[in-house]
Amino acid sequence: MTKILLLSDTHGYLDEGILKYAKQADEIWHAGDIGTFEVADKLAALKPLRAVHGNIDNGLLQQQFPLHQRFLCEKVDVWITHIGGYPNRYSPGIKQVIQENSPNLFISGHSHILKVMWDKKLNLLHMNPGACGKQGFHQMRTMLRFEIDGEDIKNLEVIELGKRASR
């Protein structure tokens, strides 16, 4: 069994609340808009980090982290990207690929909107953890944690980190 912490849209911000949950995970997955190497380095120092770059990440972060990550976690085929859309509204560059070769779990960030949906047509689970940073229009800072046990994705929890206050 693998315990996952899924976050997105840190925009260069980390606090003790995020780090507390990161320490409890087996792996940390970041769905883009990391913001700084300091964020990535602090997370990677705690646990294995799988991350993609987002639209606000500079060229150096883009060189370090790919646009897409597709991998197996236990027996679950996972695809992480930053701008991916969601069931019935996938981004144009994603739509064809996901229809031809859908993963079991499709993860995106970007919208700052927490969303977990089942795609009945493609038989996949979509997750967007919302945003845990302080920049953006979201009101509540959120992350997701869950477990992968063989083929099963289970024990999904929404983590609310508090209201997004200005810096």
Protein backbone atom coordinates (compact mmCIF):
# COMPACT_ATOMS: atom_id res chain seq x y z
CA MET A 1 0.00 0.00 0.00
CA THR A 2 1.24 3.48 -0.95
CA LYS A 3 0.07 6.61 0.87
CA ILE A 4 -0.11 9.59 -1.50
CA LEU A 5 -0.28 13.31 -0.77
CA LEU A 6 -1.56 15.16 -3.85
CA LEU A 7 -1.12 18.91 -4.08
CA SER A 8 -1.04 21.60 -6.71
CA ASP A 9 -0.62 25.30 -7.24
CA THR A 10 1.73 26.07 -4.37
CA HIS A 11 2.96 29.11 -6.35
CA GLY A 12 6.14 29.17 -4.25
CA TYR A 13 4.37 28.80 -0.90
CA LEU A 14 4.84 26.09 1.73
CA ASP A 15 3.85 26.15 5.37
CA GLU A 16 3.95 23.77 8.31
CA GLY A 17 0.44 22.52 7.53
CA ILE A 18 1.53 21.25 4.13
CA LEU A 19 4.77 19.82 5.51
CA LYS A 20 2.95 18.00 8.32
CA TYR A 21 0.90 16.01 5.80
CA ALA A 22 3.88 15.54 3.48
CA LYS A 23 5.77 13.78 6.29
CA GLN A 24 2.88 11.30 6.70
CA ALA A 25 2.86 10.25 3.02
CA ASP A 26 4.92 7.61 1.24
CA GLU A 27 5.01 9.74 -1.94
CA ILE A 28 4.18 13.36 -2.75
CA TRP A 29 2.61 14.20 -6.12
CA HIS A 30 2.53 17.82 -7.29
CA ALA A 31 0.26 18.74 -10.22
CA GLY A 32 2.10 21.87 -11.28
CA ASP A 33 2.59 25.58 -10.61
CA ILE A 34 5.30 24.72 -8.12
CA GLY A 35 6.63 28.27 -8.19
CA THR A 36 10.16 27.81 -6.83
CA PHE A 37 12.88 25.20 -6.51
CA GLU A 38 12.76 25.79 -2.75
CA VAL A 39 9.24 24.28 -2.64
CA ALA A 40 10.25 21.28 -4.74
CA ASP A 41 13.47 20.74 -2.77
CA LYS A 42 11.74 20.86 0.62
CA LEU A 43 9.11 18.37 -0.50
CA ALA A 44 11.66 16.07 -2.14
CA ALA A 45 13.79 16.12 1.02
CA LEU A 46 10.86 14.61 2.93
CA LYS A 47 9.55 11.94 0.56
CA PRO A 48 9.84 10.86 -3.08
CA LEU A 49 8.37 13.64 -5.23
CA ARG A 50 6.64 13.21 -8.58
CA ALA A 51 5.85 16.59 -10.11
CA VAL A 52 4.95 18.29 -13.36
CA HIS A 53 5.52 21.92 -14.26
CA GLY A 54 2.69 24.38 -14.63
CA ASN A 55 2.08 27.53 -16.62
CA ILE A 56 3.66 29.85 -14.00
CA ASP A 57 6.82 27.77 -13.60
CA ASN A 58 9.95 29.28 -15.12
CA GLY A 59 12.20 27.66 -17.71
CA LEU A 60 14.48 26.06 -15.12
CA LEU A 61 11.54 24.39 -13.36
CA GLN A 62 10.24 23.31 -16.76
CA GLN A 63 13.59 21.65 -17.46
CA GLN A 64 13.51 19.84 -14.12
CA PHE A 65 9.86 18.74 -14.19
CA PRO A 66 8.04 17.46 -17.29
CA LEU A 67 4.69 18.66 -18.65
CA HIS A 68 3.25 15.16 -18.17
CA GLN A 69 4.08 12.22 -15.94
CA ARG A 70 2.62 8.82 -16.77
CA PHE A 71 3.61 5.95 -14.49
CA LEU A 72 2.42 2.93 -12.56
CA CYS A 73 1.88 3.18 -8.82
CA GLU A 74 1.45 -0.40 -7.76
CA LYS A 75 -1.13 -1.55 -10.38
CA VAL A 76 -2.72 1.86 -11.04
CA ASP A 77 -1.88 3.64 -14.30
CA VAL A 78 -1.49 7.32 -13.33
CA TRP A 79 -1.25 10.39 -15.56
CA ILE A 80 -0.43 13.78 -14.00
CA THR A 81 -0.44 17.05 -15.94
CA HIS A 82 -1.12 20.64 -14.96
CA ILE A 83 -3.72 21.78 -17.49
CA GLY A 84 -5.79 18.74 -18.31
CA GLY A 85 -9.43 19.57 -17.79
CA TYR A 86 -11.84 17.04 -16.36
CA PRO A 87 -14.42 14.49 -17.55
CA ASN A 88 -16.45 15.77 -20.51
CA ARG A 89 -14.21 18.88 -20.62
CA TYR A 90 -10.67 17.63 -21.20
CA SER A 91 -8.18 20.09 -22.66
CA PRO A 92 -7.82 19.82 -26.45
CA GLY A 93 -4.30 18.38 -26.31
CA ILE A 94 -5.37 15.79 -23.76
CA LYS A 95 -8.72 14.69 -25.15
CA GLN A 96 -7.54 12.50 -28.02
CA VAL A 97 -4.75 10.82 -26.06
CA ILE A 98 -6.95 10.10 -23.05
CA GLN A 99 -9.64 8.61 -25.31
CA GLU A 100 -7.14 6.35 -27.07
CA ASN A 101 -5.22 5.26 -23.97
CA SER A 102 -6.95 6.24 -20.76
CA PRO A 103 -5.19 5.84 -17.42
CA ASN A 104 -6.92 4.57 -14.28
CA LEU A 105 -6.24 7.87 -12.51
CA PHE A 106 -6.00 11.23 -14.30
CA ILE A 107 -4.72 14.16 -12.22
CA SER A 108 -4.59 17.82 -13.12
CA GLY A 109 -4.24 21.14 -11.31
CA HIS A 110 -4.47 24.67 -12.70
CA SER A 111 -8.11 25.53 -11.95
CA HIS A 112 -7.61 25.93 -8.17
CA ILE A 113 -10.93 24.06 -7.89
CA LEU A 114 -10.98 20.87 -5.84
CA LYS A 115 -12.66 18.20 -7.93
CA VAL A 116 -12.88 14.42 -7.78
CA MET A 117 -15.00 12.84 -10.50
CA TRP A 118 -15.58 9.46 -12.06
CA ASP A 119 -15.45 9.46 -15.87
CA LYS A 120 -18.01 6.80 -16.76
CA LYS A 121 -17.21 6.92 -20.49
CA LEU A 122 -13.49 6.29 -20.06
CA ASN A 123 -13.67 4.32 -16.80
CA LEU A 124 -11.16 6.52 -14.97
CA LEU A 125 -10.99 8.57 -11.81
CA HIS A 126 -10.14 12.25 -12.17
CA MET A 127 -8.64 14.27 -9.31
CA ASN A 128 -7.77 17.93 -8.96
CA PRO A 129 -6.53 18.77 -5.45
CA GLY A 130 -7.41 22.45 -5.71
CA ALA A 131 -4.68 24.87 -4.62
CA CYS A 132 -2.65 24.86 -1.42
CA GLY A 133 -0.79 28.09 -2.09
CA LYS A 134 -1.94 31.60 -1.33
CA GLN A 135 -2.07 33.04 -4.85
CA GLY A 136 -5.25 32.76 -6.87
CA PHE A 137 -8.97 33.19 -6.48
CA HIS A 138 -9.67 30.08 -4.37
CA GLN A 139 -11.04 30.70 -0.90
CA MET A 140 -9.95 27.50 0.88
CA ARG A 141 -6.47 26.00 0.51
CA THR A 142 -6.83 22.28 -0.19
CA MET A 143 -4.93 19.05 -0.88
CA LEU A 144 -5.92 15.41 -1.24
CA ARG A 145 -4.52 12.30 0.32
CA PHE A 146 -5.37 8.73 -0.52
CA GLU A 147 -3.95 5.24 -0.68
CA ILE A 148 -3.18 2.97 -3.59
CA ASP A 149 -3.39 -0.70 -2.72
CA GLY A 150 -2.76 -2.85 -5.77
CA GLU A 151 -5.49 -1.82 -8.21
CA ASP A 152 -7.53 0.03 -5.58
CA ILE A 153 -7.60 3.75 -4.91
CA LYS A 154 -9.06 4.16 -1.43
CA ASN A 155 -9.34 6.20 1.75
CA LEU A 156 -9.55 9.49 -0.13
CA GLU A 157 -9.49 12.53 2.16
CA VAL A 158 -9.84 16.23 1.46
CA ILE A 159 -7.41 18.27 3.53
CA GLU A 160 -8.44 21.85 4.18
CA LEU A 161 -5.51 24.03 5.18
CA GLY A 162 -7.52 27.12 6.01
CA LYS A 163 -8.63 30.21 4.18
CA ARG A 164 -6.37 31.75 1.59
CA ALA A 165 -5.18 34.91 3.31
CA SER A 166 -3.15 37.56 1.60
CA ARG A 167 0.57 37.52 2.30
